[in-house]
Amino acid sequence: LYDCIEEGCVQKFLKYGNFVRHLLAEKHHRVIEKYSLADTAIKTYQSKLEKVDDCQMVSILLEMSTFDKSQYQHIPKLDQGWALPKPRIATKFTDKQKQYLTNKFNDGITRGIR
């Protein structure tokens, strides 16, 4: 058997001529490396640790900066409860609306329409 010498290629050949043709054509067959769950967990943990370092640096920079209230005086203050939903007002049907609905209901009963 002739194994392909290209890194990542998994092709094997019985004849030397096929092996040479494969190398000249450069049509390598690569298999994607599969990671185990442990490997994935290790890589995720490593990336989170790297991100934590960045966050600490940002928080240190924020602590060192000063806040100037005069820059934000033009922004109006919000009233308390501004994000709460508005109360719904329940209104009763007028006499004209009640009469219309009653007539429609009675028409349905007399004609047999549901």
Protein backbone atom coordinates (compact mmCIF):
# COMPACT_ATOMS: atom_id res chain seq x y z
CA LEU A 1 0.00 0.00 0.00
CA TYR A 2 1.10 3.54 -0.77
CA ASP A 3 -0.07 6.20 1.69
CA CYS A 4 -0.32 9.80 0.58
CA ILE A 5 2.48 11.91 2.06
CA GLU A 6 0.41 15.13 2.19
CA GLU A 7 -0.51 16.11 5.74
CA GLY A 8 -4.17 15.40 6.49
CA CYS A 9 -4.78 13.28 3.35
CA VAL A 10 -6.09 9.78 4.05
CA GLN A 11 -5.84 8.29 0.53
CA LYS A 12 -4.15 4.89 0.07
CA PHE A 13 -3.18 3.26 -3.22
CA LEU A 14 -2.39 -0.30 -4.31
CA LYS A 15 -0.47 0.72 -7.41
CA TYR A 16 2.46 3.09 -7.51
CA GLY A 17 1.18 4.72 -10.72
CA ASN A 18 -2.11 5.67 -9.07
CA PHE A 19 -0.16 7.12 -6.15
CA VAL A 20 1.96 9.28 -8.47
CA ARG A 21 -1.12 10.41 -10.43
CA HIS A 22 -2.77 11.40 -7.16
CA LEU A 23 0.27 13.47 -6.12
CA LEU A 24 0.43 15.22 -9.50
CA ALA A 25 -3.29 16.02 -9.57
CA GLU A 26 -3.18 17.25 -5.96
CA LYS A 27 -6.70 16.00 -5.27
CA HIS A 28 -6.19 15.16 -1.63
CA HIS A 29 -8.96 13.69 0.48
CA ARG A 30 -8.88 15.24 3.93
CA VAL A 31 -11.01 14.18 6.88
CA ILE A 32 -12.04 16.86 9.34
CA GLU A 33 -10.56 16.16 12.74
CA LYS A 34 -13.27 15.48 15.29
CA TYR A 35 -12.92 16.85 18.79
CA SER A 36 -14.08 14.94 21.82
CA LEU A 37 -16.35 16.58 24.35
CA ALA A 38 -13.41 17.02 26.72
CA ASP A 39 -11.36 18.80 24.02
CA THR A 40 -14.27 21.11 23.24
CA ALA A 41 -14.72 21.89 26.93
CA ILE A 42 -11.01 22.67 27.31
CA LYS A 43 -11.03 25.03 24.31
CA THR A 44 -14.19 26.79 25.55
CA TYR A 45 -12.73 27.19 29.03
CA GLN A 46 -9.51 28.59 27.57
CA SER A 47 -11.37 31.15 25.45
CA LYS A 48 -13.46 32.24 28.45
CA LEU A 49 -10.32 32.71 30.53
CA GLU A 50 -8.83 34.88 27.81
CA LYS A 51 -12.01 36.98 27.67
CA VAL A 52 -12.00 37.42 31.46
CA ASP A 53 -8.59 39.03 31.27
CA ASP A 54 -9.91 41.54 28.72
CA CYS A 55 -12.92 42.35 30.92
CA GLN A 56 -10.72 42.97 33.95
CA MET A 57 -8.63 45.39 31.95
CA VAL A 58 -11.74 47.27 30.86
CA SER A 59 -13.08 47.45 34.41
CA ILE A 60 -9.75 48.83 35.65
CA LEU A 61 -9.87 51.49 32.94
CA LEU A 62 -13.44 52.43 33.94
CA GLU A 63 -12.45 52.79 37.58
CA MET A 64 -9.62 55.13 36.62
CA SER A 65 -11.87 57.35 34.48
CA THR A 66 -13.83 60.26 35.98
CA PHE A 67 -17.52 60.99 35.41
CA ASP A 68 -18.46 64.55 34.49
CA LYS A 69 -22.17 65.23 35.22
CA SER A 70 -22.15 68.54 33.36
CA GLN A 71 -21.98 66.71 30.01
CA TYR A 72 -25.32 64.98 30.68
CA GLN A 73 -27.43 67.88 32.01
CA HIS A 74 -29.38 68.24 28.72
CA ILE A 75 -30.89 64.72 29.01
CA PRO A 76 -34.34 64.89 30.68
CA LYS A 77 -35.00 62.66 33.70
CA LEU A 78 -37.58 59.92 33.36
CA ASP A 79 -40.60 59.73 35.64
CA GLN A 80 -40.88 56.78 37.98
CA GLY A 81 -42.80 53.89 36.40
CA TRP A 82 -42.21 55.05 32.80
CA ALA A 83 -41.72 51.47 31.57
CA LEU A 84 -44.83 50.02 33.17
CA PRO A 85 -47.71 49.08 30.86
CA LYS A 86 -50.52 51.59 30.59
CA PRO A 87 -53.70 50.52 32.43
CA ARG A 88 -56.50 49.32 30.15
CA ILE A 89 -59.84 51.01 30.56
CA ALA A 90 -62.81 48.66 30.25
CA THR A 91 -65.73 50.29 28.43
CA LYS A 92 -69.21 48.84 28.14
CA PHE A 93 -71.09 48.47 24.87
CA THR A 94 -73.47 51.28 23.99
CA ASP A 95 -77.18 50.57 23.57
CA LYS A 96 -76.81 50.81 19.79
CA GLN A 97 -74.00 48.21 19.79
CA LYS A 98 -75.99 45.88 22.05
CA GLN A 99 -79.01 46.14 19.76
CA TYR A 100 -76.89 45.34 16.66
CA LEU A 101 -75.36 42.25 18.30
CA THR A 102 -78.76 41.06 19.54
CA ASN A 103 -80.22 41.42 16.02
CA LYS A 104 -77.29 39.46 14.51
CA PHE A 105 -77.73 36.71 17.11
CA ASN A 106 -81.46 36.48 16.47
CA ASP A 107 -80.91 36.36 12.69
CA GLY A 108 -78.51 33.44 13.19
CA ILE A 109 -81.07 31.54 15.26
CA THR A 110 -83.92 32.07 12.79
CA ARG A 111 -81.82 31.11 9.73
CA GLY A 112 -80.00 28.24 11.46
CA ILE A 113 -76.58 29.83 10.94
CA ARG A 114 -74.09 29.36 13.68
